[in-house]
C-alpha atoms as a PDB file:
ATOM      1  CA  MET A   1     -11.021  -5.762  -3.224  1.00  0.00           C
ATOM      2  CA  LEU A   2      -7.997  -6.961  -5.091  1.00  0.00           C
ATOM      3  CA  ILE A   3      -4.888  -4.812  -4.964  1.00  0.00           C
ATOM      4  CA  SER A   4      -3.538  -4.285  -8.484  1.00  0.00           C
ATOM      5  CA  GLN A   5       0.011  -5.202  -9.422  1.00  0.00           C
ATOM      6  CA  ARG A   6       0.746  -1.495  -9.919  1.00  0.00           C
ATOM      7  CA  CYS A   7      -0.391  -0.753  -6.360  1.00  0.00           C
ATOM      8  CA  GLN A   8       1.662  -3.645  -4.989  1.00  0.00           C
ATOM      9  CA  TYR A   9       4.725  -2.257  -6.784  1.00  0.00           C
ATOM     10  CA  ALA A  10       4.012   1.210  -5.361  1.00  0.00           C
ATOM     11  CA  LEU A  11       3.695  -0.169  -1.829  1.00  0.00           C
ATOM     12  CA  ARG A  12       6.889  -2.196  -2.165  1.00  0.00           C
ATOM     13  CA  ALA A  13       8.785   0.779  -3.613  1.00  0.00           C
ATOM     14  CA  VAL A  14       7.737   3.082  -0.787  1.00  0.00           C
ATOM     15  CA  PHE A  15       8.516   0.319   1.716  1.00  0.00           C
ATOM     16  CA  GLU A  16      12.043  -0.011   0.339  1.00  0.00           C
ATOM     17  CA  VAL A  17      12.603   3.740   0.589  1.00  0.00           C
ATOM     18  CA  ALA A  18      11.141   3.672   4.129  1.00  0.00           C
ATOM     19  CA  LYS A  19      13.660   0.994   5.141  1.00  0.00           C
ATOM     20  CA  ARG A  20      16.425   3.439   4.267  1.00  0.00           C
ATOM     21  CA  PHE A  21      14.784   6.497   5.856  1.00  0.00           C
ATOM     22  CA  GLY A  22      17.379   8.937   7.144  1.00  0.00           C
ATOM     23  CA  GLN A  23      20.191   7.329   5.144  1.00  0.00           C
ATOM     24  CA  GLY A  24      19.943   9.511   2.057  1.00  0.00           C
ATOM     25  CA  PRO A  25      18.400   8.884  -1.345  1.00  0.00           C
ATOM     26  CA  THR A  26      17.748   5.368  -2.620  1.00  0.00           C
ATOM     27  CA  LYS A  27      18.546   4.741  -6.273  1.00  0.00           C
ATOM     28  CA  ILE A  28      15.875   3.364  -8.548  1.00  0.00           C
ATOM     29  CA  ASP A  29      17.955   0.278  -9.413  1.00  0.00           C
ATOM     30  CA  GLN A  30      18.335  -0.513  -5.683  1.00  0.00           C
ATOM     31  CA  ILE A  31      14.574  -0.319  -5.200  1.00  0.00           C
ATOM     32  CA  ALA A  32      13.872  -2.396  -8.307  1.00  0.00           C
ATOM     33  CA  SER A  33      16.372  -5.078  -7.355  1.00  0.00           C
ATOM     34  CA  ALA A  34      15.419  -5.324  -3.682  1.00  0.00           C
ATOM     35  CA  GLN A  35      11.669  -5.490  -4.370  1.00  0.00           C
ATOM     36  CA  ALA A  36      11.655  -7.387  -7.700  1.00  0.00           C
ATOM     37  CA  ILE A  37       9.953  -4.545  -9.563  1.00  0.00           C
ATOM     38  CA  PRO A  38      10.565  -4.131 -13.310  1.00  0.00           C
ATOM     39  CA  PRO A  39      12.544  -0.858 -13.625  1.00  0.00           C
ATOM     40  CA  ARG A  40      10.466   0.441 -16.554  1.00  0.00           C
ATOM     41  CA  PHE A  41       7.304   0.313 -14.410  1.00  0.00           C
ATOM     42  CA  LEU A  42       9.065   1.570 -11.314  1.00  0.00           C
ATOM     43  CA  ALA A  43      10.118   4.861 -12.872  1.00  0.00           C
ATOM     44  CA  ALA A  44       6.509   5.706 -13.785  1.00  0.00           C
ATOM     45  CA  ILE A  45       5.210   4.612 -10.378  1.00  0.00           C
ATOM     46  CA  LEU A  46       7.814   6.665  -8.514  1.00  0.00           C
ATOM     47  CA  ASN A  47       6.947   9.690 -10.637  1.00  0.00           C
ATOM     48  CA  GLN A  48       3.270   9.256  -9.707  1.00  0.00           C
ATOM     49  CA  LEU A  49       4.210   8.876  -6.019  1.00  0.00           C
ATOM     50  CA  ARG A  50       6.358  11.994  -6.266  1.00  0.00           C
ATOM     51  CA  GLN A  51       3.470  13.968  -7.727  1.00  0.00           C
ATOM     52  CA  GLY A  52       1.279  12.673  -4.896  1.00  0.00           C
ATOM     53  CA  GLY A  53       3.708  13.935  -2.277  1.00  0.00           C
ATOM     54  CA  PHE A  54       4.782  10.523  -0.979  1.00  0.00           C
ATOM     55  CA  VAL A  55       8.378  10.597  -2.197  1.00  0.00           C
ATOM     56  CA  GLU A  56      10.872  13.227  -3.261  1.00  0.00           C
ATOM     57  CA  SER A  57      13.534  12.818  -5.899  1.00  0.00           C
ATOM     58  CA  ARG A  58      17.116  14.048  -5.904  1.00  0.00           C
ATOM     59  CA  ARG A  59      19.173  14.424  -9.071  1.00  0.00           C
ATOM     60  CA  GLY A  60      22.818  13.702  -9.621  1.00  0.00           C
ATOM     61  CA  SER A  61      25.235  10.883  -8.920  1.00  0.00           C
ATOM     62  CA  ASP A  62      24.174  10.801  -5.265  1.00  0.00           C
ATOM     63  CA  GLY A  63      20.511  11.179  -6.195  1.00  0.00           C
ATOM     64  CA  GLY A  64      17.558   8.883  -5.847  1.00  0.00           C
ATOM     65  CA  TYR A  65      14.319   8.815  -3.903  1.00  0.00           C
ATOM     66  CA  LEU A  66      13.472   9.784  -0.326  1.00  0.00           C
ATOM     67  CA  LEU A  67      10.249   9.643   1.632  1.00  0.00           C
ATOM     68  CA  ALA A  68       8.556  13.019   1.678  1.00  0.00           C
ATOM     69  CA  ARG A  69       7.637  12.481   5.336  1.00  0.00           C
ATOM     70  CA  PRO A  70       8.548  10.066   8.124  1.00  0.00           C
ATOM     71  CA  PRO A  71       7.468   6.434   7.697  1.00  0.00           C
ATOM     72  CA  SER A  72       5.574   6.686  10.993  1.00  0.00           C
ATOM     73  CA  SER A  73       3.171   9.194   9.419  1.00  0.00           C
ATOM     74  CA  LEU A  74       2.539   7.337   6.164  1.00  0.00           C
ATOM     75  CA  THR A  75      -0.146   4.633   6.137  1.00  0.00           C
ATOM     76  CA  VAL A  76      -0.772   1.790   3.760  1.00  0.00           C
ATOM     77  CA  GLY A  77      -4.354   3.054   3.388  1.00  0.00           C
ATOM     78  CA  GLU A  78      -3.189   6.437   2.087  1.00  0.00           C
ATOM     79  CA  LEU A  79      -1.036   4.796  -0.542  1.00  0.00           C
ATOM     80  CA  ILE A  80      -3.721   2.347  -1.644  1.00  0.00           C
ATOM     81  CA  ARG A  81      -6.315   5.101  -1.991  1.00  0.00           C
ATOM     82  CA  PHE A  82      -3.885   7.233  -3.956  1.00  0.00           C
ATOM     83  CA  ILE A  83      -3.117   4.453  -6.441  1.00  0.00           C
ATOM     84  CA  GLU A  84      -6.417   2.514  -6.488  1.00  0.00           C
ATOM     85  CA  GLY A  85      -9.086   4.930  -5.293  1.00  0.00           C
ATOM     86  CA  PRO A  86     -11.657   4.111  -2.607  1.00  0.00           C
ATOM     87  CA  ILE A  87     -11.287   0.892  -0.641  1.00  0.00           C
ATOM     88  CA  GLY A  88     -14.293  -1.384  -0.745  1.00  0.00           C
ATOM     89  CA  PRO A  89     -15.380  -4.935  -1.528  1.00  0.00           C
ATOM     90  CA  VAL A  90     -17.985  -3.753  -4.054  1.00  0.00           C
ATOM     91  CA  GLY A  91     -18.430  -0.621  -6.108  1.00  0.00           C
ATOM     92  CA  CYS A  92     -21.646   0.595  -4.521  1.00  0.00           C
ATOM     93  CA  ILE A  93     -19.984   1.144  -1.131  1.00  0.00           C
ATOM     94  CA  ASP A  94     -17.624   3.887  -2.269  1.00  0.00           C
ATOM     95  CA  GLY A  95     -20.522   6.160  -3.178  1.00  0.00           C
ATOM     96  CA  GLY A  96     -19.470   6.646  -6.775  1.00  0.00           C
ATOM     97  CA  ARG A  97     -21.463   3.814  -8.277  1.00  0.00           C
ATOM     98  CA  ALA A  98     -24.320   3.643  -5.761  1.00  0.00           C
ATOM     99  CA  GLY A  99     -26.759   5.131  -8.258  1.00  0.00           C
ATOM    100  CA  GLN A 100     -26.171   2.241 -10.650  1.00  0.00           C
ATOM    101  CA  CYS A 101     -27.465  -0.437  -8.277  1.00  0.00           C
ATOM    102  CA  VAL A 102     -31.045  -1.507  -8.923  1.00  0.00           C
ATOM    103  CA  LEU A 103     -31.400  -2.467  -5.239  1.00  0.00           C
ATOM    104  CA  ARG A 104     -30.227   0.901  -3.955  1.00  0.00           C
ATOM    105  CA  GLY A 105     -31.882   1.602  -0.631  1.00  0.00           C
ATOM    106  CA  SER A 106     -33.147  -1.953  -0.104  1.00  0.00           C
ATOM    107  CA  CYS A 107     -30.060  -4.148  -0.446  1.00  0.00           C
ATOM    108  CA  VAL A 108     -29.672  -6.576   2.442  1.00  0.00           C
ATOM    109  CA  PHE A 109     -25.957  -6.906   1.660  1.00  0.00           C
ATOM    110  CA  ARG A 110     -25.115  -3.200   1.986  1.00  0.00           C
ATOM    111  CA  SER A 111     -24.398  -3.354   5.727  1.00  0.00           C
ATOM    112  CA  LEU A 112     -22.264  -6.477   5.215  1.00  0.00           C
ATOM    113  CA  TRP A 113     -20.236  -4.789   2.465  1.00  0.00           C
ATOM    114  CA  ASP A 114     -19.852  -1.699   4.638  1.00  0.00           C
ATOM    115  CA  GLU A 115     -18.608  -3.763   7.613  1.00  0.00           C
ATOM    116  CA  ALA A 116     -16.074  -5.492   5.364  1.00  0.00           C
ATOM    117  CA  ARG A 117     -14.885  -2.150   3.993  1.00  0.00           C
ATOM    118  CA  GLN A 118     -14.513  -0.717   7.482  1.00  0.00           C
ATOM    119  CA  ALA A 119     -12.531  -3.755   8.658  1.00  0.00           C
ATOM    120  CA  VAL A 120     -10.139  -3.588   5.710  1.00  0.00           C
ATOM    121  CA  GLU A 121      -9.773   0.194   6.025  1.00  0.00           C
ATOM    122  CA  ASN A 122      -9.003  -0.236   9.725  1.00  0.00           C
ATOM    123  CA  VAL A 123      -6.124  -2.591   8.953  1.00  0.00           C
ATOM    124  CA  TYR A 124      -4.713  -0.443   6.137  1.00  0.00           C
ATOM    125  CA  ASP A 125      -5.195   2.885   7.928  1.00  0.00           C
ATOM    126  CA  ASN A 126      -3.607   1.646  11.141  1.00  0.00           C
ATOM    127  CA  THR A 127      -0.541   0.165   9.475  1.00  0.00           C
ATOM    128  CA  THR A 128       2.272   2.619   8.828  1.00  0.00           C
ATOM    129  CA  LEU A 129       5.361   2.109   6.748  1.00  0.00           C
ATOM    130  CA  GLU A 130       7.317   2.201   9.996  1.00  0.00           C
ATOM    131  CA  ASP A 131       5.218  -0.734  11.267  1.00  0.00           C
ATOM    132  CA  LEU A 132       6.117  -2.737   8.159  1.00  0.00           C
ATOM    133  CA  VAL A 133       9.823  -1.938   8.496  1.00  0.00           C
ATOM    134  CA  LYS A 134       9.698  -3.136  12.111  1.00  0.00           C
ATOM    135  CA  ARG A 135       7.863  -6.319  11.072  1.00  0.00           C
ATOM    136  CA  GLU A 136      10.558  -7.176   8.584  1.00  0.00           C
ATOM    137  CA  SER A 137      13.326  -6.780  11.138  1.00  0.00           C
ATOM    138  CA  ALA A 138      11.479  -8.584  13.972  1.00  0.00           C
ATOM    139  CA  PRO A 139      12.576 -12.126  14.768  1.00  0.00           C
ATOM    140  CA  PRO A 140      10.245 -14.802  13.414  1.00  0.00           C
ATOM    141  CA  SER A 141       7.469 -15.989  15.690  1.00  0.00           C
ATOM    142  CA  ARG A 142       8.204 -19.166  17.643  1.00  0.00           C
ATOM    143  CA  GLU A 143       4.596 -20.317  17.736  1.00  0.00           C
ATOM    144  CA  PRO A 144       4.245 -24.108  17.497  1.00  0.00           C
ATOM    145  CA  TRP A 145       3.176 -25.459  14.176  1.00  0.00           C
ATOM    146  CA  ILE A 146      -0.163 -27.250  14.331  1.00  0.00           C
ATOM    147  CA  PRO A 147      -1.166 -29.209  11.249  1.00  0.00           C
ATOM    148  CA  MET A 148      -4.619 -28.511   9.890  1.00  0.00           C
ATOM    149  CA  TYR A 149      -6.588 -31.465   8.598  1.00  0.00           C
ATOM    150  CA  VAL A 150      -9.402 -31.129   6.125  1.00  0.00           C
ATOM    151  CA  ILE A 151     -12.159 -33.662   6.535  1.00  0.00           C
END
């Protein structure tokens, strides 16, 4: 499953607001600048996220965007599903397009696709915005660099 550019922008926008959680509203130009998101797309994405209950907006000179709930309770999986729909490596796994497959019921790959979906969902559903904020502020790993040679 490829994450669309729109979904990446949505994730980055919510991440930027999460970084400033508890500090008041974040202005759209601050989000756009910090996350390299074109402002014309960002306004539409933030409106969609507001309608989905992920962010709230405040008007006025001190206005901007706030998370609608704490970053510890907001997962990457929720955001991806809201923007993209079901998570899965192929369309037949999400249930919506299963009837279109000519191998329905006898596909040897179905269990493989389902395992892949479950693994990806596990990562996305167990990663909160708070986790990402902590990752950004954590010191870089000091693991030794080992060159990889291709033969």
